[in-house]
Amino acid sequence: MVLYFSGTGNSFYIAKKIAEALEDRMVSIAELVCANQYHLTLAKEEKIGFVYPVIACAPPDVVTDFIKKVTFEGYKDNYIYSVFNCAGSPEYTSRIMKETGEKAGLKISGFFDILMPGNYITQKKHLPEEKVKEYLENCDGKIAEIVADVKNQVSNYKKEKHSFLMSYGLHKLAVLEKTEKFVFGEECVKCGKCVDICSMQAITMGTDKPIRDVKKCAFCLGCVNVCPTHALQVGKKTQGNPQYINPNYNGKARD
């Protein structure tokens, strides 16, 4: 079982490739959360994978909250692995996942990472185009390596070195950013792309323009990145910043 959370398609693509290579099922964490479904049944010796992006030096809250609540019927020390993708420093992402799993009675043994273009459009710094191309070109090769290690049930956790300022300061700042007002400007053409990409069902189409439910929002920023007219902004933080959607993603969280 490959459980994934994705904002702009990186994790979706990675999870899809892993699931195909392992002939495994692929399940959206967001869909389970929205359906309030936290009880899953495992086949005998079925592996459990978590695939997700790093958001401000940590796993998305929706992923860690899910792990705290989920129960796996048939779980008997099944192999569990974690795969995250990020454009910069993950800081202590793996440690958070490991400790969250332990508190929930789940032993995560495999820890893997893939460099991918970032989508954190509230920040001014972005990868040069050549780096974006490099990361995307190297992605499939890295996935193949991860698949091989998962098949061999590799246990490889190593305590990460991390900066207090980055690990705690930036993450706390990102938590505060979640309260920033999303502005749906006059340029909005009501195309519905922001509704389609939101895996948390936090955006609905209103009479005049889309409406965001801040309580449901995971702040993945998929909606801001996919807006074709740049009508959707996070205050003034995202104005003029380049957007990113994985080129292999159709932008639809639900088919």
Protein backbone atom coordinates (compact mmCIF):
# COMPACT_ATOMS: atom_id res chain seq x y z
CA MET A 1 0.00 0.00 0.00
CA VAL A 2 1.48 3.32 -1.11
CA LEU A 3 -0.11 6.14 0.86
CA TYR A 4 0.61 9.58 -0.55
CA PHE A 5 -0.10 13.25 -0.10
CA SER A 6 0.60 15.64 -2.97
CA GLY A 7 0.16 19.34 -3.65
CA THR A 8 1.47 20.03 -7.13
CA GLY A 9 2.07 16.50 -8.34
CA ASN A 10 5.63 15.55 -7.33
CA SER A 11 4.53 13.08 -4.66
CA PHE A 12 1.67 11.84 -6.85
CA TYR A 13 4.13 11.00 -9.62
CA ILE A 14 6.61 9.33 -7.25
CA ALA A 15 3.89 7.29 -5.54
CA LYS A 16 2.47 6.22 -8.91
CA LYS A 17 5.84 5.02 -10.19
CA ILE A 18 6.59 3.15 -6.95
CA ALA A 19 3.15 1.52 -6.89
CA GLU A 20 3.49 0.42 -10.51
CA ALA A 21 6.97 -1.03 -9.95
CA LEU A 22 5.86 -2.90 -6.83
CA GLU A 23 2.49 -3.87 -8.34
CA ASP A 24 0.99 -2.25 -5.28
CA ARG A 25 -2.11 -0.17 -4.60
CA MET A 26 -1.90 3.61 -4.37
CA VAL A 27 -4.09 5.44 -1.84
CA SER A 28 -4.54 9.17 -1.27
CA ILE A 29 -4.10 10.22 2.36
CA ALA A 30 -6.15 13.34 1.66
CA GLU A 31 -9.10 11.31 0.38
CA LEU A 32 -8.98 9.10 3.47
CA VAL A 33 -8.88 12.14 5.76
CA CYS A 34 -11.75 13.84 3.94
CA ALA A 35 -13.78 10.62 4.26
CA ASN A 36 -12.78 10.28 7.94
CA GLN A 37 -11.43 6.82 7.12
CA TYR A 38 -8.64 5.76 9.44
CA HIS A 39 -9.02 1.97 9.50
CA LEU A 40 -7.26 0.09 6.71
CA THR A 41 -6.85 -3.63 6.09
CA LEU A 42 -3.52 -5.09 5.02
CA ALA A 43 -2.85 -8.20 3.02
CA LYS A 44 -0.38 -10.66 4.53
CA GLU A 45 3.14 -9.14 4.56
CA GLU A 46 1.89 -6.11 2.61
CA LYS A 47 4.32 -3.21 2.73
CA ILE A 48 3.24 0.28 3.78
CA GLY A 49 4.77 3.32 2.12
CA PHE A 50 4.30 7.00 2.91
CA VAL A 51 5.12 9.39 0.05
CA TYR A 52 4.90 13.14 0.65
CA PRO A 53 6.59 16.52 0.14
CA VAL A 54 8.62 18.39 2.73
CA ILE A 55 6.82 21.58 3.72
CA ALA A 56 8.99 24.09 5.59
CA CYS A 57 11.52 21.52 6.84
CA ALA A 58 8.93 18.98 8.04
CA PRO A 59 6.35 16.47 6.82
CA PRO A 60 2.91 17.95 6.08
CA ASP A 61 0.70 18.03 9.17
CA VAL A 62 -1.96 16.09 7.29
CA VAL A 63 0.49 13.18 6.98
CA THR A 64 1.66 13.09 10.61
CA ASP A 65 -1.91 13.60 11.89
CA PHE A 66 -3.02 10.68 9.71
CA ILE A 67 -0.31 8.41 11.13
CA LYS A 68 -1.41 9.29 14.66
CA LYS A 69 -4.98 8.19 13.91
CA VAL A 70 -4.71 5.32 11.42
CA THR A 71 -5.01 1.65 12.38
CA PHE A 72 -3.94 -1.19 10.12
CA GLU A 73 -5.86 -4.43 10.49
CA GLY A 74 -3.46 -7.31 9.97
CA TYR A 75 -0.38 -5.29 10.87
CA LYS A 76 2.32 -7.62 12.20
CA ASP A 77 5.57 -5.72 11.90
CA ASN A 78 4.96 -5.20 8.19
CA TYR A 79 7.75 -3.33 6.45
CA ILE A 80 7.06 0.43 6.47
CA TYR A 81 9.00 3.00 4.51
CA SER A 82 8.98 6.76 4.06
CA VAL A 83 9.74 8.66 0.83
CA PHE A 84 9.88 12.44 0.85
CA ASN A 85 10.75 14.93 -1.85
CA CYS A 86 12.05 18.47 -1.47
CA ALA A 87 14.05 21.13 -3.29
CA GLY A 88 16.17 22.16 -0.31
CA SER A 89 17.00 20.99 3.19
CA PRO A 90 14.63 18.45 4.79
CA GLU A 91 16.16 19.13 8.21
CA TYR A 92 14.72 16.55 10.63
CA THR A 93 11.81 15.31 8.48
CA SER A 94 12.80 11.65 8.82
CA ARG A 95 13.12 11.92 12.58
CA ILE A 96 9.64 13.41 12.84
CA MET A 97 8.24 10.53 10.79
CA LYS A 98 10.15 7.92 12.78
CA GLU A 99 9.03 9.29 16.14
CA THR A 100 5.45 9.85 14.99
CA GLY A 101 5.30 6.25 13.79
CA GLU A 102 6.75 4.89 17.04
CA LYS A 103 4.16 6.74 19.12
CA ALA A 104 1.45 5.22 16.93
CA GLY A 105 2.90 1.71 17.28
CA LEU A 106 4.29 1.66 13.75
CA LYS A 107 7.94 0.94 12.97
CA ILE A 108 9.15 2.88 9.94
CA SER A 109 12.35 1.20 8.77
CA GLY A 110 13.15 2.60 5.33
CA PHE A 111 13.86 6.31 4.81
CA PHE A 112 14.36 7.67 1.31
CA ASP A 113 14.47 11.09 -0.31
CA ILE A 114 14.31 12.55 -3.80
CA LEU A 115 15.32 16.03 -4.91
CA MET A 116 12.42 17.62 -6.79
CA PRO A 117 11.53 21.17 -7.86
CA GLY A 118 9.80 23.05 -5.05
CA ASN A 119 6.43 24.76 -5.14
CA TYR A 120 6.68 26.98 -2.08
CA ILE A 121 5.55 30.05 -3.95
CA THR A 122 5.47 32.29 -0.85
CA GLN A 123 9.28 32.36 -0.86
CA LYS A 124 11.30 34.59 -3.17
CA LYS A 125 14.10 32.08 -3.83
CA HIS A 126 13.49 29.48 -6.51
CA LEU A 127 15.57 26.84 -8.28
CA PRO A 128 17.28 27.88 -11.52
CA GLU A 129 15.67 26.32 -14.60
CA GLU A 130 18.67 24.05 -15.15
CA LYS A 131 18.24 22.60 -11.64
CA VAL A 132 14.52 22.02 -12.21
CA LYS A 133 15.39 20.12 -15.39
CA GLU A 134 18.14 18.15 -13.63
CA TYR A 135 15.91 17.09 -10.73
CA LEU A 136 13.13 15.93 -13.06
CA GLU A 137 15.57 14.03 -15.28
CA ASN A 138 17.12 12.22 -12.29
CA CYS A 139 13.79 11.39 -10.65
CA ASP A 140 13.04 8.06 -12.34
CA GLY A 141 16.52 6.71 -11.64
CA LYS A 142 16.19 7.58 -7.96
CA ILE A 143 12.75 5.97 -7.81
CA ALA A 144 14.19 2.77 -9.27
CA GLU A 145 16.84 2.71 -6.52
CA ILE A 146 14.17 3.20 -3.85
CA VAL A 147 12.02 0.43 -5.31
CA ALA A 148 14.97 -1.98 -5.15
CA ASP A 149 15.63 -1.08 -1.51
CA VAL A 150 11.95 -1.44 -0.61
CA LYS A 151 11.85 -4.89 -2.20
CA ASN A 152 14.86 -5.82 -0.03
CA GLN A 153 13.19 -4.21 3.01
CA VAL A 154 16.20 -2.03 3.72
CA SER A 155 16.41 -0.49 7.21
CA ASN A 156 18.54 2.62 6.96
CA TYR A 157 17.57 5.35 9.44
CA LYS A 158 20.37 7.77 10.29
CA LYS A 159 19.96 10.66 12.69
CA GLU A 160 20.00 13.85 10.65
CA LYS A 161 22.01 16.94 11.37
CA HIS A 162 19.74 19.93 11.54
CA SER A 163 19.69 23.62 12.32
CA PHE A 164 17.48 24.78 15.19
CA LEU A 165 16.66 27.95 13.25
CA MET A 166 15.63 26.04 10.14
CA SER A 167 13.92 23.11 11.83
CA TYR A 168 11.92 25.05 14.35
CA GLY A 169 11.94 28.69 13.24
CA LEU A 170 11.03 28.18 9.59
CA HIS A 171 8.45 25.53 10.39
CA LYS A 172 6.78 27.74 13.00
CA LEU A 173 6.79 30.61 10.51
CA ALA A 174 5.07 28.35 7.97
CA VAL A 175 2.39 27.50 10.54
CA LEU A 176 1.72 31.22 10.91
CA GLU A 177 1.61 31.57 7.12
CA LYS A 178 -1.37 29.22 7.06
CA THR A 179 -3.45 32.02 8.55
CA GLU A 180 -2.56 34.38 5.66
CA LYS A 181 -5.57 35.45 3.63
CA PHE A 182 -5.92 33.88 0.17
CA VAL A 183 -6.93 36.57 -2.29
CA PHE A 184 -9.04 35.63 -5.31
CA GLY A 185 -8.52 38.65 -7.57
CA GLU A 186 -10.54 40.15 -10.38
CA GLU A 187 -8.47 38.17 -12.89
CA CYS A 188 -10.28 34.98 -11.79
CA VAL A 189 -12.05 33.35 -14.75
CA LYS A 190 -13.76 30.66 -12.62
CA CYS A 191 -11.94 27.88 -14.50
CA GLY A 192 -12.11 25.59 -11.47
CA LYS A 193 -8.47 24.50 -11.60
CA CYS A 194 -7.93 25.50 -7.96
CA VAL A 195 -10.95 23.39 -6.98
CA ASP A 196 -9.73 20.38 -8.97
CA ILE A 197 -6.19 20.38 -7.55
CA CYS A 198 -7.19 20.73 -3.89
CA SER A 199 -6.96 17.22 -2.44
CA MET A 200 -8.35 18.41 0.91
CA GLN A 201 -11.56 19.74 -0.70
CA ALA A 202 -10.81 23.08 0.92
CA ILE A 203 -11.79 25.14 -2.13
CA THR A 204 -15.28 25.34 -3.62
CA MET A 205 -16.62 27.49 -6.43
CA GLY A 206 -18.80 30.32 -5.15
CA THR A 207 -21.19 32.53 -7.11
CA ASP A 208 -18.54 35.11 -8.03
CA LYS A 209 -15.25 33.38 -7.25
CA PRO A 210 -13.77 30.40 -5.38
CA ILE A 211 -14.04 30.12 -1.60
CA ARG A 212 -11.34 28.65 0.66
CA ASP A 213 -12.07 26.79 3.91
CA VAL A 214 -9.02 27.61 6.03
CA LYS A 215 -9.81 24.78 8.48
CA LYS A 216 -9.51 22.15 5.74
CA CYS A 217 -6.55 23.73 3.95
CA ALA A 218 -3.20 21.89 4.20
CA PHE A 219 -1.34 24.90 2.77
CA CYS A 220 0.21 22.78 0.02
CA LEU A 221 -0.13 25.81 -2.31
CA GLY A 222 -1.26 23.69 -5.24
CA CYS A 223 -4.13 26.10 -5.90
CA VAL A 224 -1.83 29.14 -6.13
CA ASN A 225 0.61 27.34 -8.40
CA VAL A 226 -2.06 26.11 -10.81
CA CYS A 227 -3.98 29.38 -11.27
CA PRO A 228 -3.67 30.24 -15.00
CA THR A 229 -4.33 33.97 -14.59
CA HIS A 230 -2.39 34.46 -11.33
CA ALA A 231 -5.66 35.65 -9.77
CA LEU A 232 -5.07 33.58 -6.64
CA GLN A 233 -2.41 34.95 -4.30
CA VAL A 234 -1.39 34.49 -0.66
CA GLY A 235 -1.58 38.11 0.44
CA LYS A 236 1.31 39.89 -1.27
CA LYS A 237 3.84 37.11 -0.64
CA THR A 238 3.28 35.21 -3.87
CA GLN A 239 2.90 38.06 -6.34
CA GLY A 240 5.35 37.77 -9.22
CA ASN A 241 6.79 34.45 -8.06
CA PRO A 242 7.08 31.59 -10.58
CA GLN A 243 4.58 28.75 -10.38
CA TYR A 244 5.35 25.03 -10.47
CA ILE A 245 3.25 21.98 -11.35
CA ASN A 246 4.87 18.59 -12.02
CA PRO A 247 4.84 18.16 -15.82
CA ASN A 248 3.44 14.62 -15.46
CA TYR A 249 0.48 15.73 -13.30
CA ASN A 250 -2.89 16.69 -14.76
CA GLY A 251 -3.74 18.91 -11.80
CA LYS A 252 -6.75 16.87 -10.75
CA ALA A 253 -6.72 15.45 -7.22
CA ARG A 254 -9.90 13.52 -7.99
CA ASP A 255 -10.66 11.98 -11.39
